[in-house]
């Protein structure tokens, strides 16, 4: 039997039944403060789109939105500053910010030093 996911001792069904203020009490301090101060207009619009239940992925630039229980199972396209990253929201993502789910920077892969980089680079064999 597969283990049922719970967030702070509550199942997904219980979390979905809660109001936003109740759910905020379960979140860490930073996320709790963000929700109690109220959602911005952009966040409210995004939440309405998610509640409609579109089959297509929803595009958003709102990286500071917190993953809420009603978002579980939806597909989002989150902008990372350069392109769109597709994210399917899962139970384990509840309480995280959208920005944490898509990275803005790539891992740096350095190659050989360029011409004139340092004095020692002139000793590197030319191809």
Protein backbone atom coordinates (compact mmCIF):
# COMPACT_ATOMS: atom_id res chain seq x y z
CA UNK A 1 0.00 0.00 0.00
CA UNK A 2 1.40 3.39 -0.99
CA UNK A 3 1.96 5.95 1.73
CA UNK A 4 -0.62 8.76 1.70
CA UNK A 5 0.93 12.23 1.47
CA UNK A 6 0.26 14.68 4.30
CA UNK A 7 1.38 18.24 4.98
CA UNK A 8 1.86 18.98 8.68
CA UNK A 9 -0.40 16.04 9.54
CA UNK A 10 -3.22 17.04 7.17
CA UNK A 11 -4.22 15.15 4.01
CA UNK A 12 -4.71 16.89 0.66
CA UNK A 13 -8.50 16.65 1.00
CA UNK A 14 -8.37 18.33 4.43
CA UNK A 15 -6.07 21.06 3.09
CA UNK A 16 -8.37 21.75 0.12
CA UNK A 17 -11.36 22.07 2.48
CA UNK A 18 -9.54 24.73 4.56
CA UNK A 19 -9.85 28.44 3.97
CA UNK A 20 -6.73 30.36 2.96
CA UNK A 21 -6.30 31.93 6.45
CA UNK A 22 -6.50 28.50 8.12
CA UNK A 23 -4.00 27.02 5.66
CA UNK A 24 -1.65 29.96 6.26
CA UNK A 25 -1.32 28.91 9.92
CA UNK A 26 0.34 25.66 8.78
CA UNK A 27 2.96 27.40 6.61
CA UNK A 28 6.44 28.57 7.64
CA UNK A 29 6.75 32.19 8.81
CA UNK A 30 7.80 33.77 5.50
CA UNK A 31 4.96 32.18 3.52
CA UNK A 32 2.46 32.80 6.34
CA UNK A 33 3.35 36.50 6.37
CA UNK A 34 3.03 36.71 2.58
CA UNK A 35 -0.48 35.22 2.61
CA UNK A 36 -1.77 37.16 5.63
CA UNK A 37 -0.73 40.44 3.99
CA UNK A 38 -3.03 39.51 1.09
CA UNK A 39 -2.59 38.36 -2.48
CA UNK A 40 -1.68 40.86 -5.19
CA UNK A 41 -3.97 41.37 -8.19
CA UNK A 42 -1.71 39.21 -10.40
CA UNK A 43 -1.82 36.37 -7.85
CA UNK A 44 -5.62 36.59 -7.60
CA UNK A 45 -5.97 36.41 -11.39
CA UNK A 46 -3.65 33.38 -11.52
CA UNK A 47 -5.61 31.65 -8.73
CA UNK A 48 -8.88 32.23 -10.63
CA UNK A 49 -7.36 30.72 -13.80
CA UNK A 50 -6.22 27.67 -11.83
CA UNK A 51 -9.63 27.24 -10.18
CA UNK A 52 -11.32 27.25 -13.63
CA UNK A 53 -9.40 24.05 -14.38
CA UNK A 54 -7.93 24.67 -17.82
CA UNK A 55 -6.60 21.63 -19.64
CA UNK A 56 -3.76 23.68 -21.16
CA UNK A 57 -0.74 24.76 -19.16
CA UNK A 58 -1.18 28.21 -17.62
CA UNK A 59 1.57 30.72 -18.37
CA UNK A 60 2.70 32.96 -15.53
CA UNK A 61 5.41 35.44 -14.61
CA UNK A 62 4.38 35.38 -10.94
CA UNK A 63 7.37 33.63 -9.35
CA UNK A 64 6.56 34.74 -5.79
CA UNK A 65 3.25 32.84 -5.65
CA UNK A 66 3.05 30.10 -3.04
CA UNK A 67 1.89 26.64 -4.12
CA UNK A 68 -1.55 26.11 -2.55
CA UNK A 69 -3.42 22.78 -2.15
CA UNK A 70 -5.96 23.63 -4.90
CA UNK A 71 -3.09 23.92 -7.40
CA UNK A 72 -2.07 20.25 -7.06
CA UNK A 73 -2.30 18.46 -10.40
CA UNK A 74 -2.30 21.59 -12.57
CA UNK A 75 0.28 22.24 -15.24
CA UNK A 76 2.03 25.62 -15.24
CA UNK A 77 4.50 27.37 -17.52
CA UNK A 78 6.65 29.51 -15.21
CA UNK A 79 8.89 32.18 -16.72
CA UNK A 80 12.53 32.01 -15.61
CA UNK A 81 13.63 35.30 -17.19
CA UNK A 82 14.63 33.74 -20.49
CA UNK A 83 12.04 31.14 -21.35
CA UNK A 84 9.16 29.08 -20.02
CA UNK A 85 9.65 26.00 -17.84
CA UNK A 86 6.78 23.51 -17.62
CA UNK A 87 5.98 22.41 -14.08
CA UNK A 88 3.29 19.96 -13.00
CA UNK A 89 2.36 20.79 -9.42
CA UNK A 90 2.64 17.82 -7.04
CA UNK A 91 1.70 17.41 -3.37
CA UNK A 92 5.32 17.74 -2.22
CA UNK A 93 5.49 21.28 -3.67
CA UNK A 94 2.86 22.71 -1.30
CA UNK A 95 4.23 25.72 0.61
CA UNK A 96 7.07 26.41 -1.84
CA UNK A 97 7.34 29.44 -4.11
CA UNK A 98 7.01 29.07 -7.90
CA UNK A 99 10.49 30.59 -8.24
CA UNK A 100 11.97 27.63 -6.36
CA UNK A 101 10.55 25.23 -8.94
CA UNK A 102 12.29 26.72 -11.98
CA UNK A 103 15.89 27.86 -11.89
CA UNK A 104 17.00 31.15 -13.44
CA UNK A 105 20.66 30.28 -13.85
CA UNK A 106 22.43 27.40 -15.56
CA UNK A 107 25.41 25.54 -14.14
CA UNK A 108 28.63 27.17 -15.36
CA UNK A 109 30.70 24.84 -17.52
CA UNK A 110 34.08 26.43 -18.06
CA UNK A 111 36.15 25.46 -21.07
CA UNK A 112 39.76 26.34 -21.96
CA UNK A 113 40.87 29.91 -21.12
CA UNK A 114 40.48 32.52 -23.82
CA UNK A 115 43.33 34.29 -25.61
CA UNK A 116 44.85 36.89 -23.32
CA UNK A 117 43.03 35.61 -20.23
CA UNK A 118 46.22 35.27 -18.15
CA UNK A 119 49.95 35.13 -18.72
CA UNK A 120 49.87 31.36 -18.44
CA UNK A 121 47.21 31.01 -21.14
CA UNK A 122 49.81 31.93 -23.77
CA UNK A 123 51.62 28.69 -22.90
CA UNK A 124 48.53 26.60 -23.74
CA UNK A 125 49.03 24.73 -27.02
CA UNK A 126 47.22 26.30 -29.96
CA UNK A 127 45.04 24.05 -32.09
